[in-house]
N, C-alpha and C. Protein backbone atom coordinates (compact mmCIF):
# COMPACT_ATOMS: atom_id res chain seq x y z
N UNK A 1 -22.61 -46.64 41.94
CA UNK A 1 -21.36 -46.78 41.41
C UNK A 1 -21.24 -47.60 40.11
N UNK A 2 -20.44 -46.94 39.07
CA UNK A 2 -20.27 -47.47 37.79
C UNK A 2 -19.84 -48.85 37.89
N UNK A 3 -20.41 -49.73 37.18
CA UNK A 3 -19.96 -51.19 37.19
C UNK A 3 -18.55 -51.33 36.90
N UNK A 4 -17.70 -50.82 36.28
CA UNK A 4 -16.49 -50.99 35.93
C UNK A 4 -15.57 -50.69 36.83
N UNK A 5 -15.96 -49.34 37.52
CA UNK A 5 -15.40 -48.62 38.58
C UNK A 5 -15.64 -49.86 39.87
N UNK A 6 -16.66 -50.22 39.96
CA UNK A 6 -16.80 -51.20 41.17
C UNK A 6 -16.11 -52.77 40.69
N UNK A 7 -16.08 -53.37 39.78
CA UNK A 7 -15.17 -54.11 39.39
C UNK A 7 -13.67 -54.09 39.67
N UNK A 8 -13.25 -52.87 39.40
CA UNK A 8 -11.75 -52.41 39.56
C UNK A 8 -11.56 -52.31 40.85
N UNK A 9 -12.39 -51.79 41.67
CA UNK A 9 -12.42 -51.67 43.19
C UNK A 9 -12.19 -52.92 43.99
N UNK A 10 -13.41 -53.70 43.64
CA UNK A 10 -13.39 -55.20 44.02
C UNK A 10 -12.00 -55.92 43.84
N UNK A 11 -11.57 -55.93 42.49
CA UNK A 11 -10.44 -56.51 42.06
C UNK A 11 -9.14 -55.87 42.93
N UNK A 12 -8.96 -54.59 43.30
CA UNK A 12 -8.04 -54.25 43.94
C UNK A 12 -7.87 -54.58 45.53
N UNK A 13 -9.29 -54.82 45.99
CA UNK A 13 -8.96 -55.43 47.23
C UNK A 13 -8.98 -57.08 47.36
N UNK A 14 -9.43 -57.65 46.61
CA UNK A 14 -9.75 -59.16 46.41
C UNK A 14 -9.01 -59.90 45.40
N UNK A 15 -8.52 -59.19 44.42
CA UNK A 15 -7.96 -59.94 43.33
C UNK A 15 -6.86 -61.17 43.66
N UNK A 16 -6.27 -60.69 44.74
CA UNK A 16 -5.16 -61.72 45.06
C UNK A 16 -5.97 -63.17 45.16
N UNK A 17 -7.24 -63.24 45.80
CA UNK A 17 -7.78 -64.41 46.20
C UNK A 17 -8.30 -65.57 44.89
N UNK A 18 -8.00 -64.64 43.83
CA UNK A 18 -8.35 -65.53 42.41
C UNK A 18 -7.32 -66.24 42.20
N UNK A 19 -7.33 -67.14 41.11
CA UNK A 19 -6.67 -68.00 40.89
C UNK A 19 -5.52 -67.26 39.67
N UNK A 20 -4.27 -67.58 39.42
CA UNK A 20 -3.62 -66.77 38.67
C UNK A 20 -4.37 -66.94 37.17
N UNK A 21 -4.82 -67.99 36.67
CA UNK A 21 -5.87 -67.86 35.42
C UNK A 21 -6.74 -66.94 35.74
N UNK A 22 -7.47 -67.09 36.58
CA UNK A 22 -8.68 -66.19 36.70
C UNK A 22 -8.16 -64.51 36.41
N UNK A 23 -7.29 -64.38 37.40
CA UNK A 23 -6.81 -62.90 37.55
C UNK A 23 -6.21 -62.54 35.95
N UNK A 24 -5.50 -63.25 35.33
CA UNK A 24 -5.08 -63.01 33.64
C UNK A 24 -6.32 -62.33 33.25
N UNK A 25 -7.45 -63.42 33.12
CA UNK A 25 -8.30 -63.32 32.14
C UNK A 25 -9.28 -61.93 32.70
N UNK A 26 -9.34 -61.89 34.01
CA UNK A 26 -10.20 -60.68 34.53
C UNK A 26 -9.61 -59.33 34.46
N UNK A 27 -8.26 -59.63 34.27
CA UNK A 27 -7.20 -58.43 34.09
C UNK A 27 -7.43 -57.80 32.79
N UNK A 28 -7.45 -58.66 31.82
CA UNK A 28 -7.46 -58.46 30.33
C UNK A 28 -9.05 -57.72 29.97
N UNK A 29 -9.93 -58.34 30.76
CA UNK A 29 -11.41 -57.91 30.52
C UNK A 29 -11.63 -56.70 31.17
N UNK A 30 -11.26 -56.49 32.46
CA UNK A 30 -11.77 -55.43 33.39
C UNK A 30 -10.81 -54.17 33.44
N UNK A 31 -9.68 -54.86 33.49
CA UNK A 31 -8.61 -53.41 33.63
C UNK A 31 -8.11 -53.03 32.11
N UNK A 32 -7.90 -54.05 31.27
CA UNK A 32 -7.19 -53.57 29.80
C UNK A 32 -8.23 -53.60 28.66
N UNK A 33 -9.51 -53.73 29.00
CA UNK A 33 -10.52 -53.70 28.19
C UNK A 33 -10.57 -54.37 26.94
N UNK A 34 -10.22 -55.51 27.10
CA UNK A 34 -10.02 -56.27 25.79
C UNK A 34 -11.53 -56.77 25.62
N UNK A 35 -11.47 -57.33 24.37
CA UNK A 35 -12.87 -58.17 24.01
C UNK A 35 -12.95 -59.51 24.47
N UNK A 36 -14.21 -60.16 24.42
CA UNK A 36 -13.95 -61.55 24.97
C UNK A 36 -13.23 -62.34 23.75
N UNK A 37 -13.35 -62.01 22.73
CA UNK A 37 -12.87 -62.45 21.42
C UNK A 37 -11.03 -62.75 21.63
N UNK A 38 -10.72 -61.37 21.90
CA UNK A 38 -9.26 -61.24 21.83
C UNK A 38 -8.87 -62.12 23.26
N UNK A 39 -9.50 -62.07 24.35
CA UNK A 39 -8.98 -62.89 25.52
C UNK A 39 -9.11 -64.40 25.17
N UNK A 40 -10.06 -64.78 24.77
CA UNK A 40 -10.30 -66.13 24.12
C UNK A 40 -9.12 -66.52 23.37
N UNK A 41 -8.91 -65.76 22.43
CA UNK A 41 -7.82 -66.26 21.59
C UNK A 41 -6.27 -66.40 22.54
N UNK A 42 -6.05 -65.41 23.20
CA UNK A 42 -5.00 -65.39 23.95
C UNK A 42 -5.06 -66.39 24.83
N UNK A 43 -5.96 -66.93 25.58
CA UNK A 43 -5.99 -67.95 26.52
C UNK A 43 -6.33 -69.29 26.08
N UNK A 44 -6.47 -69.48 24.97
CA UNK A 44 -6.85 -70.68 24.35
C UNK A 44 -8.04 -71.25 24.60
N UNK A 45 -9.30 -70.56 24.87
CA UNK A 45 -10.67 -70.97 25.49
C UNK A 45 -11.57 -70.49 24.62
N UNK A 46 -12.81 -70.54 24.65
CA UNK A 46 -13.96 -70.16 24.01
C UNK A 46 -14.42 -68.84 24.34
N UNK A 47 -14.94 -68.10 23.56
CA UNK A 47 -15.53 -66.86 24.10
C UNK A 47 -16.29 -66.93 25.28
N UNK A 48 -17.05 -68.23 25.09
CA UNK A 48 -18.24 -68.28 26.24
C UNK A 48 -17.38 -68.65 27.33
N UNK A 49 -16.32 -69.49 27.21
CA UNK A 49 -15.49 -69.73 28.34
C UNK A 49 -15.01 -68.58 29.27
N UNK A 50 -14.51 -67.52 28.47
CA UNK A 50 -14.18 -66.11 28.86
C UNK A 50 -15.49 -65.31 29.56
N UNK A 51 -16.60 -65.32 29.01
CA UNK A 51 -17.64 -64.75 29.71
C UNK A 51 -17.98 -65.42 31.00
N UNK A 52 -18.07 -66.65 30.89
CA UNK A 52 -18.51 -67.21 32.11
C UNK A 52 -17.56 -67.05 33.34
N UNK A 53 -16.05 -67.10 32.91
CA UNK A 53 -14.97 -67.04 33.81
C UNK A 53 -15.31 -65.68 34.59
N UNK A 54 -15.44 -64.60 33.56
CA UNK A 54 -15.56 -63.28 34.28
C UNK A 54 -16.89 -63.18 35.19
N UNK A 55 -17.74 -63.72 34.63
CA UNK A 55 -19.09 -63.70 35.74
C UNK A 55 -18.88 -64.64 37.07
N UNK A 56 -18.39 -65.82 37.04
CA UNK A 56 -17.63 -66.27 38.18
C UNK A 56 -16.88 -65.20 38.98
N UNK A 57 -15.77 -64.69 38.40
CA UNK A 57 -14.89 -63.91 39.03
C UNK A 57 -15.83 -62.66 39.83
N UNK A 58 -16.92 -62.09 39.13
CA UNK A 58 -17.66 -60.97 39.58
C UNK A 58 -18.37 -61.44 40.78
N UNK A 59 -19.00 -62.68 40.71
CA UNK A 59 -19.77 -63.19 41.98
C UNK A 59 -18.61 -63.62 43.12
N UNK A 60 -17.49 -64.05 42.68
CA UNK A 60 -16.68 -64.57 43.92
C UNK A 60 -16.16 -63.09 44.75
N UNK A 61 -15.78 -62.16 43.80
CA UNK A 61 -15.39 -60.93 44.43
C UNK A 61 -16.35 -60.17 45.31
N UNK A 62 -17.68 -60.26 44.53
CA UNK A 62 -18.83 -59.32 45.12
C UNK A 62 -18.74 -60.50 46.53
N UNK A 63 -19.11 -61.51 46.43
CA UNK A 63 -19.14 -62.57 47.83
C UNK A 63 -17.89 -62.20 49.12
N UNK A 64 -16.97 -62.04 48.71
CA UNK A 64 -15.67 -61.55 49.37
C UNK A 64 -16.07 -60.49 50.15
N UNK A 65 -16.47 -59.27 49.26
CA UNK A 65 -16.89 -57.87 49.89
C UNK A 65 -17.80 -58.13 50.90
N UNK A 66 -18.97 -59.23 50.58
CA UNK A 66 -19.91 -58.99 51.26
C UNK A 66 -19.73 -59.69 52.81
N UNK A 67 -18.83 -60.68 52.64
CA UNK A 67 -18.32 -61.09 53.69
C UNK A 67 -17.24 -60.49 54.61
N UNK A 68 -16.33 -59.84 54.16
CA UNK A 68 -14.94 -59.17 54.68
C UNK A 68 -15.60 -57.50 54.78
N UNK A 69 -16.00 -56.90 53.77
CA UNK A 69 -16.38 -55.42 53.86
C UNK A 69 -15.25 -54.56 53.97
N UNK A 70 -14.15 -54.93 53.43
CA UNK A 70 -13.16 -54.22 53.09
C UNK A 70 -13.44 -52.81 52.52
N UNK A 71 -13.87 -52.85 51.42
CA UNK A 71 -14.08 -51.77 50.62
C UNK A 71 -15.22 -50.76 51.41
N UNK A 72 -16.29 -51.35 52.04
CA UNK A 72 -17.03 -50.33 52.88
C UNK A 72 -16.03 -50.01 54.06
N UNK A 73 -15.61 -50.54 54.51
CA UNK A 73 -14.40 -50.11 56.00
C UNK A 73 -13.51 -48.90 54.98
N UNK A 74 -12.92 -49.20 54.01
CA UNK A 74 -11.94 -48.30 53.34
C UNK A 74 -12.89 -47.01 53.10
N UNK A 75 -13.77 -47.02 52.43
CA UNK A 75 -14.74 -45.90 52.66
C UNK A 75 -15.07 -45.06 53.64
N UNK A 76 -15.39 -45.82 54.76
CA UNK A 76 -15.77 -44.88 55.77
C UNK A 76 -14.62 -44.30 56.53
N UNK A 77 -13.24 -45.02 56.47
CA UNK A 77 -12.09 -44.42 57.14
C UNK A 77 -11.82 -43.27 56.15
N UNK A 78 -11.84 -43.47 54.83
CA UNK A 78 -11.67 -42.44 53.96
C UNK A 78 -12.42 -41.25 54.46
N UNK A 79 -13.80 -41.65 54.61
CA UNK A 79 -14.74 -40.37 54.57
C UNK A 79 -14.19 -39.38 55.99
N UNK A 80 -14.26 -40.30 56.77
CA UNK A 80 -13.86 -39.64 58.32
C UNK A 80 -12.57 -38.96 58.06
N UNK A 81 -11.26 -39.58 57.25
CA UNK A 81 -10.08 -38.84 57.10
C UNK A 81 -10.70 -37.53 56.37
N UNK A 82 -11.28 -37.59 55.45
CA UNK A 82 -11.66 -36.21 54.66
C UNK A 82 -12.36 -35.39 55.62
N UNK A 83 -13.27 -35.68 56.40
CA UNK A 83 -13.91 -35.00 57.71
C UNK A 83 -13.00 -34.25 58.59
N UNK A 84 -11.95 -34.96 58.97
CA UNK A 84 -10.88 -34.42 59.59
C UNK A 84 -9.96 -33.37 59.22
N UNK A 85 -9.66 -33.63 57.85
CA UNK A 85 -9.06 -32.57 56.80
C UNK A 85 -9.91 -31.21 57.02
N UNK A 86 -10.97 -31.52 56.76
CA UNK A 86 -11.98 -30.16 56.79
C UNK A 86 -12.02 -29.41 57.67
N UNK A 87 -12.02 -30.11 58.98
CA UNK A 87 -12.21 -29.22 60.27
C UNK A 87 -10.95 -29.00 61.07
N UNK A 88 -9.73 -29.84 60.46
CA UNK A 88 -8.80 -29.59 61.22
C UNK A 88 -8.06 -27.90 61.05
N UNK A 89 -7.96 -27.61 62.46
CA UNK A 89 -7.59 -26.34 62.54
C UNK A 89 -5.96 -25.81 62.30
N UNK A 90 -5.18 -27.20 62.86
CA UNK A 90 -3.88 -27.25 62.72
C UNK A 90 -3.18 -27.81 61.47
N UNK A 91 -2.47 -27.55 60.84
CA UNK A 91 -1.66 -27.89 59.85
C UNK A 91 -1.19 -29.35 59.83
N UNK A 92 -0.34 -29.41 60.91
CA UNK A 92 -0.01 -31.00 61.15
C UNK A 92 -1.23 -32.17 61.16
N UNK A 93 -2.48 -31.60 61.69
CA UNK A 93 -3.32 -32.54 61.55
C UNK A 93 -3.85 -33.07 60.27
N UNK A 94 -3.97 -31.79 59.51
CA UNK A 94 -4.10 -31.83 57.93
C UNK A 94 -3.02 -32.91 57.48
N UNK A 95 -2.03 -32.70 57.66
CA UNK A 95 -0.68 -33.53 57.09
C UNK A 95 -1.03 -34.94 57.52
N UNK A 96 -1.14 -35.22 58.59
CA UNK A 96 -1.37 -36.66 59.21
C UNK A 96 -2.48 -37.20 58.58
N UNK A 97 -3.66 -36.45 58.51
CA UNK A 97 -4.67 -37.23 57.95
C UNK A 97 -4.49 -37.63 56.61
N UNK A 98 -3.90 -36.59 55.62
CA UNK A 98 -3.22 -36.81 54.44
C UNK A 98 -2.39 -37.96 54.42
N UNK A 99 -1.36 -38.38 55.16
CA UNK A 99 -0.36 -39.39 55.33
C UNK A 99 -1.11 -40.73 55.60
N UNK A 100 -2.30 -40.64 56.40
CA UNK A 100 -2.98 -41.84 56.45
C UNK A 100 -3.79 -42.33 55.19
N UNK A 101 -4.09 -41.38 54.96
CA UNK A 101 -5.19 -41.46 53.51
C UNK A 101 -4.25 -42.04 52.33
N UNK A 102 -3.11 -41.77 52.47
CA UNK A 102 -2.13 -42.18 51.33
C UNK A 102 -1.79 -43.64 51.54
N UNK A 103 -1.54 -43.95 53.00
CA UNK A 103 -1.26 -45.38 53.28
C UNK A 103 -2.47 -46.36 52.81
N UNK A 104 -3.74 -45.75 53.01
CA UNK A 104 -4.67 -46.75 52.57
C UNK A 104 -4.77 -47.24 51.31
């Protein structure tokens, strides 16, 4: 999985566990694709500080996934729902699987 996609997914699942400051910096870097220099200027910290914070956030988010496995579970459930949709003979079963997928 491409690193930026993985970072975005990890953030979607576990971003709320970061501090407000960490979320702001991480969002600017990963989601908004801002440079370290731009973020440093906005946050009032050094470019190195931004870099270090992003690395710490990456490690923290990966540790959350290693302990909680929410992304892994989501992938398994989504795969099963996809399979249900493929083999479903009745339109209602397909519709129900689609509704469950949207709720995930």
